[in-house]
Amino acid sequence: MSGEDKRRSKRVVPFVSDEEVVLVQNPGREPLLAKLMDLSEVGALVYLLADENAPDAGLTCTLSLYHQGKVFEVPATVARKSSRLIAFDFAAVPADASIQVQSKLIRMEIEWMRLSRGRPL
């Protein structure tokens, strides 16, 4: 990236274990279990727990994310991959899923602030 940060929006790293689980569903393949590495309003970075059947760049998938006791789905396109790390760009996100992503980001930020100040969850 030649020294510049080309991200379009701020990313948040999950610190609460239930926030980390992601199910990657790609057409015609078995769903893949992954851990959420970071999240933004426009995309996510995940680490696949197994590298079998990893989606290729350009493929549109569905990410199932967990937030406050519910699972919601976000359509996403594989932007790039490196071994088990896959970067997704969210694509044509429905309004309700967009609200869920924003709500999840706010909760993750709050948890980060609590942890950084040494306060118990």
PDB file of N, CA and C in Angstrom:
ATOM      1  N   MET A   1       0.807  -1.188   0.000  1.00  0.00           N
ATOM      2  CA  MET A   1       0.000   0.000   0.000  1.00  0.00           C
ATOM      3  C   MET A   1       0.849   1.250   0.000  1.00  0.00           C
ATOM      4  N   SER A   2       2.100   1.115  -0.186  1.00  0.00           N
ATOM      5  CA  SER A   2       3.030   2.227  -0.317  1.00  0.00           C
ATOM      6  C   SER A   2       2.928   3.249   0.800  1.00  0.00           C
ATOM      7  N   GLY A   3       2.822   2.755   2.051  1.00  0.00           N
ATOM      8  CA  GLY A   3       2.851   3.654   3.196  1.00  0.00           C
ATOM      9  C   GLY A   3       1.553   4.362   3.512  1.00  0.00           C
ATOM     10  N   GLU A   4       0.575   4.295   2.629  1.00  0.00           N
ATOM     11  CA  GLU A   4      -0.694   4.964   2.873  1.00  0.00           C
ATOM     12  C   GLU A   4      -1.718   3.970   3.380  1.00  0.00           C
ATOM     13  N   ASP A   5      -2.581   4.422   4.257  1.00  0.00           N
ATOM     14  CA  ASP A   5      -3.672   3.587   4.723  1.00  0.00           C
ATOM     15  C   ASP A   5      -4.839   3.785   3.770  1.00  0.00           C
ATOM     16  N   LYS A   6      -5.161   2.764   2.990  1.00  0.00           N
ATOM     17  CA  LYS A   6      -6.181   2.888   1.963  1.00  0.00           C
ATOM     18  C   LYS A   6      -7.553   2.412   2.429  1.00  0.00           C
ATOM     19  N   ARG A   7      -7.707   2.159   3.710  1.00  0.00           N
ATOM     20  CA  ARG A   7      -8.997   1.721   4.207  1.00  0.00           C
ATOM     21  C   ARG A   7     -10.003   2.848   4.094  1.00  0.00           C
ATOM     22  N   ARG A   8     -11.221   2.473   3.747  1.00  0.00           N
ATOM     23  CA  ARG A   8     -12.273   3.462   3.567  1.00  0.00           C
ATOM     24  C   ARG A   8     -12.950   3.831   4.871  1.00  0.00           C
ATOM     25  N   SER A   9     -12.846   2.981   5.876  1.00  0.00           N
ATOM     26  CA  SER A   9     -13.481   3.289   7.151  1.00  0.00           C
ATOM     27  C   SER A   9     -12.705   2.628   8.278  1.00  0.00           C
ATOM     28  N   LYS A  10     -12.937   3.106   9.476  1.00  0.00           N
ATOM     29  CA  LYS A  10     -12.254   2.610  10.653  1.00  0.00           C
ATOM     30  C   LYS A  10     -12.611   1.144  10.897  1.00  0.00           C
ATOM     31  N   ARG A  11     -11.623   0.356  11.286  1.00  0.00           N
ATOM     32  CA  ARG A  11     -11.846  -1.054  11.592  1.00  0.00           C
ATOM     33  C   ARG A  11     -11.770  -1.263  13.087  1.00  0.00           C
ATOM     34  N   VAL A  12     -12.517  -2.248  13.578  1.00  0.00           N
ATOM     35  CA  VAL A  12     -12.553  -2.567  14.992  1.00  0.00           C
ATOM     36  C   VAL A  12     -12.188  -4.037  15.153  1.00  0.00           C
ATOM     37  N   VAL A  13     -11.358  -4.335  16.145  1.00  0.00           N
ATOM     38  CA  VAL A  13     -10.927  -5.700  16.435  1.00  0.00           C
ATOM     39  C   VAL A  13     -11.807  -6.252  17.552  1.00  0.00           C
ATOM     40  N   PRO A  14     -12.343  -7.480  17.386  1.00  0.00           N
ATOM     41  CA  PRO A  14     -13.190  -8.045  18.431  1.00  0.00           C
ATOM     42  C   PRO A  14     -12.371  -8.525  19.628  1.00  0.00           C
ATOM     43  N   PHE A  15     -12.904  -8.324  20.843  1.00  0.00           N
ATOM     44  CA  PHE A  15     -12.238  -8.784  22.048  1.00  0.00           C
ATOM     45  C   PHE A  15     -13.102  -9.735  22.865  1.00  0.00           C
ATOM     46  N   VAL A  16     -14.356  -9.853  22.533  1.00  0.00           N
ATOM     47  CA  VAL A  16     -15.254 -10.739  23.248  1.00  0.00           C
ATOM     48  C   VAL A  16     -15.422 -11.995  22.402  1.00  0.00           C
ATOM     49  N   SER A  17     -15.250 -13.173  23.003  1.00  0.00           N
ATOM     50  CA  SER A  17     -15.192 -14.411  22.229  1.00  0.00           C
ATOM     51  C   SER A  17     -16.416 -14.656  21.359  1.00  0.00           C
ATOM     52  N   ASP A  18     -17.621 -14.326  21.823  1.00  0.00           N
ATOM     53  CA  ASP A  18     -18.793 -14.591  21.000  1.00  0.00           C
ATOM     54  C   ASP A  18     -18.880 -13.654  19.795  1.00  0.00           C
ATOM     55  N   GLU A  19     -18.117 -12.590  19.802  1.00  0.00           N
ATOM     56  CA  GLU A  19     -18.088 -11.668  18.665  1.00  0.00           C
ATOM     57  C   GLU A  19     -17.178 -12.171  17.545  1.00  0.00           C
ATOM     58  N   GLU A  20     -16.389 -13.181  17.805  1.00  0.00           N
ATOM     59  CA  GLU A  20     -15.361 -13.602  16.867  1.00  0.00           C
ATOM     60  C   GLU A  20     -15.818 -14.619  15.834  1.00  0.00           C
ATOM     61  N   VAL A  21     -16.885 -15.350  16.088  1.00  0.00           N
ATOM     62  CA  VAL A  21     -17.288 -16.450  15.219  1.00  0.00           C
ATOM     63  C   VAL A  21     -17.990 -15.935  13.971  1.00  0.00           C
ATOM     64  N   VAL A  22     -17.536 -16.453  12.821  1.00  0.00           N
ATOM     65  CA  VAL A  22     -18.137 -16.104  11.531  1.00  0.00           C
ATOM     66  C   VAL A  22     -18.308 -17.394  10.731  1.00  0.00           C
ATOM     67  N   LEU A  23     -19.430 -17.522  10.082  1.00  0.00           N
ATOM     68  CA  LEU A  23     -19.656 -18.638   9.172  1.00  0.00           C
ATOM     69  C   LEU A  23     -19.601 -18.071   7.757  1.00  0.00           C
ATOM     70  N   VAL A  24     -18.688 -18.592   6.949  1.00  0.00           N
ATOM     71  CA  VAL A  24     -18.529 -18.147   5.566  1.00  0.00           C
ATOM     72  C   VAL A  24     -19.248 -19.157   4.679  1.00  0.00           C
ATOM     73  N   GLN A  25     -20.281 -18.684   4.013  1.00  0.00           N
ATOM     74  CA  GLN A  25     -21.056 -19.554   3.125  1.00  0.00           C
ATOM     75  C   GLN A  25     -20.772 -19.138   1.693  1.00  0.00           C
ATOM     76  N   ASN A  26     -20.197 -20.074   0.931  1.00  0.00           N
ATOM     77  CA  ASN A  26     -19.940 -19.769  -0.468  1.00  0.00           C
ATOM     78  C   ASN A  26     -20.706 -20.761  -1.337  1.00  0.00           C
ATOM     79  N   PRO A  27     -21.188 -20.318  -2.482  1.00  0.00           N
ATOM     80  CA  PRO A  27     -22.063 -21.119  -3.334  1.00  0.00           C
ATOM     81  C   PRO A  27     -21.476 -22.482  -3.695  1.00  0.00           C
ATOM     82  N   GLY A  28     -22.282 -23.520  -3.491  1.00  0.00           N
ATOM     83  CA  GLY A  28     -21.891 -24.864  -3.898  1.00  0.00           C
ATOM     84  C   GLY A  28     -20.849 -25.535  -3.034  1.00  0.00           C
ATOM     85  N   ARG A  29     -20.512 -24.953  -1.891  1.00  0.00           N
ATOM     86  CA  ARG A  29     -19.501 -25.530  -1.008  1.00  0.00           C
ATOM     87  C   ARG A  29     -20.026 -25.594   0.414  1.00  0.00           C
ATOM     88  N   GLU A  30     -19.367 -26.409   1.215  1.00  0.00           N
ATOM     89  CA  GLU A  30     -19.711 -26.493   2.633  1.00  0.00           C
ATOM     90  C   GLU A  30     -19.374 -25.165   3.315  1.00  0.00           C
ATOM     91  N   PRO A  31     -20.190 -24.743   4.280  1.00  0.00           N
ATOM     92  CA  PRO A  31     -19.864 -23.514   5.027  1.00  0.00           C
ATOM     93  C   PRO A  31     -18.527 -23.663   5.764  1.00  0.00           C
ATOM     94  N   LEU A  32     -17.818 -22.566   5.904  1.00  0.00           N
ATOM     95  CA  LEU A  32     -16.514 -22.556   6.561  1.00  0.00           C
ATOM     96  C   LEU A  32     -16.593 -21.767   7.856  1.00  0.00           C
ATOM     97  N   LEU A  33     -15.997 -22.298   8.907  1.00  0.00           N
ATOM     98  CA  LEU A  33     -15.946 -21.611  10.182  1.00  0.00           C
ATOM     99  C   LEU A  33     -14.712 -20.728  10.212  1.00  0.00           C
ATOM    100  N   ALA A  34     -14.885 -19.505  10.693  1.00  0.00           N
ATOM    101  CA  ALA A  34     -13.783 -18.542  10.725  1.00  0.00           C
ATOM    102  C   ALA A  34     -13.864 -17.696  11.984  1.00  0.00           C
ATOM    103  N   LYS A  35     -12.763 -17.003  12.267  1.00  0.00           N
ATOM    104  CA  LYS A  35     -12.716 -16.046  13.376  1.00  0.00           C
ATOM    105  C   LYS A  35     -12.620 -14.645  12.784  1.00  0.00           C
ATOM    106  N   LEU A  36     -13.392 -13.749  13.336  1.00  0.00           N
ATOM    107  CA  LEU A  36     -13.376 -12.362  12.897  1.00  0.00           C
ATOM    108  C   LEU A  36     -12.119 -11.688  13.424  1.00  0.00           C
ATOM    109  N   MET A  37     -11.315 -11.151  12.524  1.00  0.00           N
ATOM    110  CA  MET A  37     -10.089 -10.463  12.918  1.00  0.00           C
ATOM    111  C   MET A  37     -10.333  -8.963  13.078  1.00  0.00           C
ATOM    112  N   ASP A  38     -11.062  -8.382  12.135  1.00  0.00           N
ATOM    113  CA  ASP A  38     -11.497  -7.002  12.283  1.00  0.00           C
ATOM    114  C   ASP A  38     -12.720  -6.749  11.415  1.00  0.00           C
ATOM    115  N   LEU A  39     -13.390  -5.649  11.712  1.00  0.00           N
ATOM    116  CA  LEU A  39     -14.664  -5.355  11.080  1.00  0.00           C
ATOM    117  C   LEU A  39     -14.777  -3.853  10.849  1.00  0.00           C
ATOM    118  N   SER A  40     -15.420  -3.483   9.756  1.00  0.00           N
ATOM    119  CA  SER A  40     -15.742  -2.084   9.497  1.00  0.00           C
ATOM    120  C   SER A  40     -17.123  -2.045   8.866  1.00  0.00           C
ATOM    121  N   GLU A  41     -17.614  -0.857   8.570  1.00  0.00           N
ATOM    122  CA  GLU A  41     -18.918  -0.740   7.925  1.00  0.00           C
ATOM    123  C   GLU A  41     -18.902  -1.260   6.491  1.00  0.00           C
ATOM    124  N   VAL A  42     -17.721  -1.381   5.905  1.00  0.00           N
ATOM    125  CA  VAL A  42     -17.636  -1.776   4.498  1.00  0.00           C
ATOM    126  C   VAL A  42     -16.962  -3.129   4.261  1.00  0.00           C
ATOM    127  N   GLY A  43     -16.525  -3.802   5.332  1.00  0.00           N
ATOM    128  CA  GLY A  43     -15.879  -5.085   5.115  1.00  0.00           C
ATOM    129  C   GLY A  43     -15.398  -5.740   6.387  1.00  0.00           C
ATOM    130  N   ALA A  44     -14.777  -6.895   6.210  1.00  0.00           N
ATOM    131  CA  ALA A  44     -14.282  -7.673   7.341  1.00  0.00           C
ATOM    132  C   ALA A  44     -13.058  -8.483   6.926  1.00  0.00           C
ATOM    133  N   LEU A  45     -12.234  -8.784   7.912  1.00  0.00           N
ATOM    134  CA  LEU A  45     -11.102  -9.676   7.730  1.00  0.00           C
ATOM    135  C   LEU A  45     -11.346 -10.872   8.630  1.00  0.00           C
ATOM    136  N   VAL A  46     -11.284 -12.080   8.055  1.00  0.00           N
ATOM    137  CA  VAL A  46     -11.505 -13.291   8.839  1.00  0.00           C
ATOM    138  C   VAL A  46     -10.327 -14.237   8.678  1.00  0.00           C
ATOM    139  N   TYR A  47     -10.178 -15.113   9.679  1.00  0.00           N
ATOM    140  CA  TYR A  47      -9.164 -16.167   9.653  1.00  0.00           C
ATOM    141  C   TYR A  47      -9.910 -17.489   9.602  1.00  0.00           C
ATOM    142  N   LEU A  48      -9.742 -18.241   8.515  1.00  0.00           N
ATOM    143  CA  LEU A  48     -10.402 -19.533   8.369  1.00  0.00           C
ATOM    144  C   LEU A  48      -9.780 -20.557   9.306  1.00  0.00           C
ATOM    145  N   LEU A  49     -10.617 -21.353   9.968  1.00  0.00           N
ATOM    146  CA  LEU A  49     -10.103 -22.382  10.868  1.00  0.00           C
ATOM    147  C   LEU A  49      -9.573 -23.578  10.095  1.00  0.00           C
ATOM    148  N   ALA A  50      -9.993 -23.734   8.856  1.00  0.00           N
ATOM    149  CA  ALA A  50      -9.447 -24.754   7.947  1.00  0.00           C
ATOM    150  C   ALA A  50      -9.315 -24.107   6.574  1.00  0.00           C
ATOM    151  N   ASP A  51      -8.249 -24.427   5.860  1.00  0.00           N
ATOM    152  CA  ASP A  51      -8.041 -23.755   4.572  1.00  0.00           C
ATOM    153  C   ASP A  51      -8.635 -24.505   3.385  1.00  0.00           C
ATOM    154  N   GLU A  52      -9.369 -25.580   3.648  1.00  0.00           N
ATOM    155  CA  GLU A  52     -10.003 -26.318   2.567  1.00  0.00           C
ATOM    156  C   GLU A  52     -11.181 -25.527   2.002  1.00  0.00           C
ATOM    157  N   ASN A  53     -11.319 -25.548   0.700  1.00  0.00           N
ATOM    158  CA  ASN A  53     -12.431 -24.882   0.014  1.00  0.00           C
ATOM    159  C   ASN A  53     -12.524 -23.385   0.277  1.00  0.00           C
ATOM    160  N   ALA A  54     -11.413 -22.732   0.518  1.00  0.00           N
ATOM    161  CA  ALA A  54     -11.414 -21.279   0.730  1.00  0.00           C
ATOM    162  C   ALA A  54     -11.885 -20.592  -0.545  1.00  0.00           C
ATOM    163  N   PRO A  55     -12.762 -19.610  -0.408  1.00  0.00           N
ATOM    164  CA  PRO A  55     -13.252 -18.914  -1.597  1.00  0.00           C
ATOM    165  C   PRO A  55     -12.148 -18.089  -2.268  1.00  0.00           C
ATOM    166  N   ASP A  56     -12.231 -17.994  -3.570  1.00  0.00           N
ATOM    167  CA  ASP A  56     -11.242 -17.237  -4.338  1.00  0.00           C
ATOM    168  C   ASP A  56     -11.639 -15.767  -4.432  1.00  0.00           C
ATOM    169  N   ALA A  57     -10.657 -14.928  -4.715  1.00  0.00           N
ATOM    170  CA  ALA A  57     -10.895 -13.495  -4.890  1.00  0.00           C
ATOM    171  C   ALA A  57     -11.964 -13.288  -5.957  1.00  0.00           C
ATOM    172  N   GLY A  58     -12.871 -12.360  -5.680  1.00  0.00           N
ATOM    173  CA  GLY A  58     -13.945 -12.042  -6.605  1.00  0.00           C
ATOM    174  C   GLY A  58     -15.234 -12.804  -6.352  1.00  0.00           C
ATOM    175  N   LEU A  59     -15.173 -13.888  -5.582  1.00  0.00           N
ATOM    176  CA  LEU A  59     -16.363 -14.691  -5.308  1.00  0.00           C
ATOM    177  C   LEU A  59     -17.258 -13.986  -4.290  1.00  0.00           C
ATOM    178  N   THR A  60     -18.562 -14.000  -4.540  1.00  0.00           N
ATOM    179  CA  THR A  60     -19.512 -13.435  -3.587  1.00  0.00           C
ATOM    180  C   THR A  60     -19.968 -14.529  -2.639  1.00  0.00           C
ATOM    181  N   CYS A  61     -19.895 -14.237  -1.354  1.00  0.00           N
ATOM    182  CA  CYS A  61     -20.262 -15.171  -0.291  1.00  0.00           C
ATOM    183  C   CYS A  61     -21.278 -14.504   0.626  1.00  0.00           C
ATOM    184  N   THR A  62     -21.697 -15.254   1.618  1.00  0.00           N
ATOM    185  CA  THR A  62     -22.527 -14.695   2.675  1.00  0.00           C
ATOM    186  C   THR A  62     -21.811 -14.934   3.992  1.00  0.00           C
ATOM    187  N   LEU A  63     -21.639 -13.887   4.778  1.00  0.00           N
ATOM    188  CA  LEU A  63     -21.042 -14.016   6.101  1.00  0.00           C
ATOM    189  C   LEU A  63     -22.156 -14.001   7.131  1.00  0.00           C
ATOM    190  N   SER A  64     -22.161 -15.013   7.995  1.00  0.00           N
ATOM    191  CA  SER A  64     -23.110 -15.050   9.105  1.00  0.00           C
ATOM    192  C   SER A  64     -22.363 -14.584  10.339  1.00  0.00           C
ATOM    193  N   LEU A  65     -22.832 -13.496  10.925  1.00  0.00           N
ATOM    194  CA  LEU A  65     -22.187 -12.888  12.083  1.00  0.00           C
ATOM    195  C   LEU A  65     -23.118 -12.942  13.281  1.00  0.00           C
ATOM    196  N   TYR A  66     -22.545 -12.986  14.466  1.00  0.00           N
ATOM    197  CA  TYR A  66     -23.302 -13.049  15.707  1.00  0.00           C
ATOM    198  C   TYR A  66     -23.246 -11.698  16.402  1.00  0.00           C
ATOM    199  N   HIS A  67     -24.410 -11.260  16.875  1.00  0.00           N
ATOM    200  CA  HIS A  67     -24.446 -10.002  17.625  1.00  0.00           C
ATOM    201  C   HIS A  67     -25.614 -10.018  18.606  1.00  0.00           C
ATOM    202  N   GLN A  68     -25.306  -9.894  19.870  1.00  0.00           N
ATOM    203  CA  GLN A  68     -26.278  -9.810  20.950  1.00  0.00           C
ATOM    204  C   GLN A  68     -27.362 -10.886  20.866  1.00  0.00           C
ATOM    205  N   GLY A  69     -26.905 -12.128  20.784  1.00  0.00           N
ATOM    206  CA  GLY A  69     -27.826 -13.259  20.817  1.00  0.00           C
ATOM    207  C   GLY A  69     -28.504 -13.597  19.507  1.00  0.00           C
ATOM    208  N   LYS A  70     -28.156 -12.893  18.435  1.00  0.00           N
ATOM    209  CA  LYS A  70     -28.779 -13.145  17.138  1.00  0.00           C
ATOM    210  C   LYS A  70     -27.708 -13.310  16.067  1.00  0.00           C
ATOM    211  N   VAL A  71     -28.068 -14.052  15.039  1.00  0.00           N
ATOM    212  CA  VAL A  71     -27.198 -14.212  13.880  1.00  0.00           C
ATOM    213  C   VAL A  71     -27.810 -13.424  12.732  1.00  0.00           C
ATOM    214  N   PHE A  72     -26.969 -12.663  12.031  1.00  0.00           N
ATOM    215  CA  PHE A  72     -27.436 -11.947  10.850  1.00  0.00           C
ATOM    216  C   PHE A  72     -26.471 -12.217   9.705  1.00  0.00           C
ATOM    217  N   GLU A  73     -26.954 -12.044   8.492  1.00  0.00           N
ATOM    218  CA  GLU A  73     -26.156 -12.349   7.303  1.00  0.00           C
ATOM    219  C   GLU A  73     -25.843 -11.097   6.504  1.00  0.00           C
ATOM    220  N   VAL A  74     -24.611 -11.085   5.976  1.00  0.00           N
ATOM    221  CA  VAL A  74     -24.153  -9.964   5.168  1.00  0.00           C
ATOM    222  C   VAL A  74     -23.537 -10.517   3.880  1.00  0.00           C
ATOM    223  N   PRO A  75     -24.033 -10.088   2.721  1.00  0.00           N
ATOM    224  CA  PRO A  75     -23.382 -10.487   1.466  1.00  0.00           C
ATOM    225  C   PRO A  75     -22.026  -9.797   1.357  1.00  0.00           C
ATOM    226  N   ALA A  76     -21.027 -10.550   0.892  1.00  0.00           N
ATOM    227  CA  ALA A  76     -19.671 -10.001   0.817  1.00  0.00           C
ATOM    228  C   ALA A  76     -18.920 -10.626  -0.352  1.00  0.00           C
ATOM    229  N   THR A  77     -18.011  -9.848  -0.902  1.00  0.00           N
ATOM    230  CA  THR A  77     -17.158 -10.308  -2.000  1.00  0.00           C
ATOM    231  C   THR A  77     -15.728 -10.448  -1.482  1.00  0.00           C
ATOM    232  N   VAL A  78     -15.071 -11.533  -1.866  1.00  0.00           N
ATOM    233  CA  VAL A  78     -13.684 -11.739  -1.457  1.00  0.00           C
ATOM    234  C   VAL A  78     -12.816 -10.713  -2.185  1.00  0.00           C
ATOM    235  N   ALA A  79     -12.206  -9.822  -1.408  1.00  0.00           N
ATOM    236  CA  ALA A  79     -11.331  -8.798  -1.976  1.00  0.00           C
ATOM    237  C   ALA A  79      -9.943  -9.368  -2.222  1.00  0.00           C
ATOM    238  N   ARG A  80      -9.467 -10.137  -1.245  1.00  0.00           N
ATOM    239  CA  ARG A  80      -8.153 -10.781  -1.373  1.00  0.00           C
ATOM    240  C   ARG A  80      -8.030 -11.858  -0.310  1.00  0.00           C
ATOM    241  N   LYS A  81      -7.091 -12.779  -0.553  1.00  0.00           N
ATOM    242  CA  LYS A  81      -6.845 -13.810   0.449  1.00  0.00           C
ATOM    243  C   LYS A  81      -5.371 -14.127   0.479  1.00  0.00           C
ATOM    244  N   SER A  82      -4.933 -14.543   1.658  1.00  0.00           N
ATOM    245  CA  SER A  82      -3.550 -14.920   1.875  1.00  0.00           C
ATOM    246  C   SER A  82      -3.565 -16.070   2.867  1.00  0.00           C
ATOM    247  N   SER A  83      -3.328 -17.265   2.368  1.00  0.00           N
ATOM    248  CA  SER A  83      -3.394 -18.460   3.199  1.00  0.00           C
ATOM    249  C   SER A  83      -4.788 -18.554   3.805  1.00  0.00           C
ATOM    250  N   ARG A  84      -4.892 -18.457   5.130  1.00  0.00           N
ATOM    251  CA  ARG A  84      -6.197 -18.569   5.787  1.00  0.00           C
ATOM    252  C   ARG A  84      -6.850 -17.216   6.072  1.00  0.00           C
ATOM    253  N   LEU A  85      -6.170 -16.137   5.794  1.00  0.00           N
ATOM    254  CA  LEU A  85      -6.753 -14.805   5.982  1.00  0.00           C
ATOM    255  C   LEU A  85      -7.511 -14.388   4.725  1.00  0.00           C
ATOM    256  N   ILE A  86      -8.753 -13.957   4.920  1.00  0.00           N
ATOM    257  CA  ILE A  86      -9.553 -13.513   3.782  1.00  0.00           C
ATOM    258  C   ILE A  86     -10.166 -12.154   4.103  1.00  0.00           C
ATOM    259  N   ALA A  87      -9.964 -11.211   3.193  1.00  0.00           N
ATOM    260  CA  ALA A  87     -10.551  -9.879   3.319  1.00  0.00           C
ATOM    261  C   ALA A  87     -11.804  -9.825   2.460  1.00  0.00           C
ATOM    262  N   PHE A  88     -12.894  -9.384   3.059  1.00  0.00           N
ATOM    263  CA  PHE A  88     -14.173  -9.270   2.367  1.00  0.00           C
ATOM    264  C   PHE A  88     -14.595  -7.809   2.276  1.00  0.00           C
ATOM    265  N   ASP A  89     -15.176  -7.451   1.135  1.00  0.00           N
ATOM    266  CA  ASP A  89     -15.869  -6.176   0.969  1.00  0.00           C
ATOM    267  C   ASP A  89     -17.354  -6.498   1.008  1.00  0.00           C
ATOM    268  N   PHE A  90     -18.096  -5.775   1.833  1.00  0.00           N
ATOM    269  CA  PHE A  90     -19.532  -5.992   1.865  1.00  0.00           C
ATOM    270  C   PHE A  90     -20.125  -5.501   0.558  1.00  0.00           C
ATOM    271  N   ALA A  91     -21.096  -6.269   0.030  1.00  0.00           N
ATOM    272  CA  ALA A  91     -21.677  -5.957  -1.270  1.00  0.00           C
ATOM    273  C   ALA A  91     -23.198  -5.951  -1.174  1.00  0.00           C
ATOM    274  N   ALA A  92     -23.825  -4.868  -1.598  1.00  0.00           N
ATOM    275  CA  ALA A  92     -25.285  -4.764  -1.637  1.00  0.00           C
ATOM    276  C   ALA A  92     -25.906  -5.202  -0.312  1.00  0.00           C
ATOM    277  N   VAL A  93     -25.451  -4.578   0.764  1.00  0.00           N
ATOM    278  CA  VAL A  93     -25.909  -4.937   2.106  1.00  0.00           C
ATOM    279  C   VAL A  93     -27.331  -4.425   2.327  1.00  0.00           C
ATOM    280  N   PRO A  94     -28.253  -5.326   2.701  1.00  0.00           N
ATOM    281  CA  PRO A  94     -29.609  -4.876   3.022  1.00  0.00           C
ATOM    282  C   PRO A  94     -29.582  -3.921   4.213  1.00  0.00           C
ATOM    283  N   ALA A  95     -30.573  -3.038   4.283  1.00  0.00           N
ATOM    284  CA  ALA A  95     -30.611  -2.018   5.337  1.00  0.00           C
ATOM    285  C   ALA A  95     -30.578  -2.627   6.731  1.00  0.00           C
ATOM    286  N   ASP A  96     -31.309  -3.719   6.962  1.00  0.00           N
ATOM    287  CA  ASP A  96     -31.323  -4.318   8.300  1.00  0.00           C
ATOM    288  C   ASP A  96     -29.963  -4.894   8.672  1.00  0.00           C
ATOM    289  N   ALA A  97     -29.248  -5.481   7.717  1.00  0.00           N
ATOM    290  CA  ALA A  97     -27.912  -6.010   7.989  1.00  0.00           C
ATOM    291  C   ALA A  97     -26.928  -4.870   8.239  1.00  0.00           C
ATOM    292  N   SER A  98     -27.084  -3.769   7.515  1.00  0.00           N
ATOM    293  CA  SER A  98     -26.221  -2.606   7.720  1.00  0.00           C
ATOM    294  C   SER A  98     -26.383  -2.055   9.133  1.00  0.00           C
ATOM    295  N   ILE A  99     -27.606  -2.012   9.607  1.00  0.00           N
ATOM    296  CA  ILE A  99     -27.872  -1.556  10.974  1.00  0.00           C
ATOM    297  C   ILE A  99     -27.224  -2.508  11.977  1.00  0.00           C
ATOM    298  N   GLN A 100     -27.297  -3.805  11.720  1.00  0.00           N
ATOM    299  CA  GLN A 100     -26.685  -4.796  12.611  1.00  0.00           C
ATOM    300  C   GLN A 100     -25.154  -4.646  12.644  1.00  0.00           C
ATOM    301  N   VAL A 101     -24.550  -4.403  11.493  1.00  0.00           N
ATOM    302  CA  VAL A 101     -23.096  -4.191  11.442  1.00  0.00           C
ATOM    303  C   VAL A 101     -22.735  -2.954  12.257  1.00  0.00           C
ATOM    304  N   GLN A 102     -23.448  -1.872  12.063  1.00  0.00           N
ATOM    305  CA  GLN A 102     -23.168  -0.642  12.805  1.00  0.00           C
ATOM    306  C   GLN A 102     -23.348  -0.847  14.305  1.00  0.00           C
ATOM    307  N   SER A 103     -24.386  -1.548  14.697  1.00  0.00           N
ATOM    308  CA  SER A 103     -24.631  -1.838  16.104  1.00  0.00           C
ATOM    309  C   SER A 103     -23.517  -2.704  16.689  1.00  0.00           C
ATOM    310  N   LYS A 104     -23.071  -3.687  15.920  1.00  0.00           N
ATOM    311  CA  LYS A 104     -21.977  -4.561  16.348  1.00  0.00           C
ATOM    312  C   LYS A 104     -20.688  -3.755  16.522  1.00  0.00           C
ATOM    313  N   LEU A 105     -20.432  -2.844  15.604  1.00  0.00           N
ATOM    314  CA  LEU A 105     -19.240  -1.997  15.700  1.00  0.00           C
ATOM    315  C   LEU A 105     -19.275  -1.140  16.963  1.00  0.00           C
ATOM    316  N   ILE A 106     -20.424  -0.578  17.259  1.00  0.00           N
ATOM    317  CA  ILE A 106     -20.552   0.248  18.465  1.00  0.00           C
ATOM    318  C   ILE A 106     -20.284  -0.596  19.700  1.00  0.00           C
ATOM    319  N   ARG A 107     -20.865  -1.790  19.761  1.00  0.00           N
ATOM    320  CA  ARG A 107     -20.659  -2.662  20.921  1.00  0.00           C
ATOM    321  C   ARG A 107     -19.189  -3.057  21.053  1.00  0.00           C
ATOM    322  N   MET A 108     -18.544  -3.354  19.939  1.00  0.00           N
ATOM    323  CA  MET A 108     -17.130  -3.733  19.969  1.00  0.00           C
ATOM    324  C   MET A 108     -16.279  -2.565  20.463  1.00  0.00           C
ATOM    325  N   GLU A 109     -16.613  -1.349  20.039  1.00  0.00           N
ATOM    326  CA  GLU A 109     -15.887  -0.154  20.499  1.00  0.00           C
ATOM    327  C   GLU A 109     -16.042   0.031  22.000  1.00  0.00           C
ATOM    328  N   ILE A 110     -17.247  -0.167  22.507  1.00  0.00           N
ATOM    329  CA  ILE A 110     -17.500  -0.031  23.943  1.00  0.00           C
ATOM    330  C   ILE A 110     -16.689  -1.059  24.725  1.00  0.00           C
ATOM    331  N   GLU A 111     -16.680  -2.306  24.243  1.00  0.00           N
ATOM    332  CA  GLU A 111     -15.906  -3.355  24.917  1.00  0.00           C
ATOM    333  C   GLU A 111     -14.415  -3.013  24.899  1.00  0.00           C
ATOM    334  N   TRP A 112     -13.939  -2.485  23.768  1.00  0.00           N
ATOM    335  CA  TRP A 112     -12.535  -2.094  23.672  1.00  0.00           C
ATOM    336  C   TRP A 112     -12.200  -0.997  24.684  1.00  0.00           C
ATOM    337  N   MET A 113     -13.091  -0.015  24.805  1.00  0.00           N
ATOM    338  CA  MET A 113     -12.849   1.075  25.753  1.00  0.00           C
ATOM    339  C   MET A 113     -12.814   0.552  27.181  1.00  0.00           C
ATOM    340  N   ARG A 114     -13.706  -0.371  27.522  1.00  0.00           N
ATOM    341  CA  ARG A 114     -13.725  -0.963  28.860  1.00  0.00           C
ATOM    342  C   ARG A 114     -12.423  -1.714  29.142  1.00  0.00           C
ATOM    343  N   LEU A 115     -11.991  -2.505  28.161  1.00  0.00           N
ATOM    344  CA  LEU A 115     -10.759  -3.288  28.347  1.00  0.00           C
ATOM    345  C   LEU A 115      -9.536  -2.378  28.444  1.00  0.00           C
ATOM    346  N   SER A 116      -9.496  -1.336  27.639  1.00  0.00           N
ATOM    347  CA  SER A 116      -8.329  -0.462  27.631  1.00  0.00           C
ATOM    348  C   SER A 116      -8.225   0.351  28.918  1.00  0.00           C
ATOM    349  N   ARG A 117      -9.333   0.533  29.608  1.00  0.00           N
ATOM    350  CA  ARG A 117      -9.326   1.284  30.877  1.00  0.00           C
ATOM    351  C   ARG A 117      -9.236   0.368  32.085  1.00  0.00           C
ATOM    352  N   GLY A 118      -9.134  -0.929  31.845  1.00  0.00           N
ATOM    353  CA  GLY A 118      -8.975  -1.867  32.941  1.00  0.00           C
ATOM    354  C   GLY A 118     -10.240  -2.165  33.716  1.00  0.00           C
ATOM    355  N   ARG A 119     -11.393  -1.853  33.142  1.00  0.00           N
ATOM    356  CA  ARG A 119     -12.658  -2.118  33.820  1.00  0.00           C
ATOM    357  C   ARG A 119     -13.148  -3.516  33.429  1.00  0.00           C
ATOM    358  N   PRO A 120     -13.743  -4.223  34.384  1.00  0.00           N
ATOM    359  CA  PRO A 120     -14.274  -5.550  34.044  1.00  0.00           C
ATOM    360  C   PRO A 120     -15.469  -5.449  33.110  1.00  0.00           C
ATOM    361  N   LEU A 121     -15.646  -6.506  32.320  1.00  0.00           N
ATOM    362  CA  LEU A 121     -16.784  -6.559  31.410  1.00  0.00           C
ATOM    363  C   LEU A 121     -17.977  -6.886  32.225  1.00  0.00           C
TER     364      LEU A 121
END
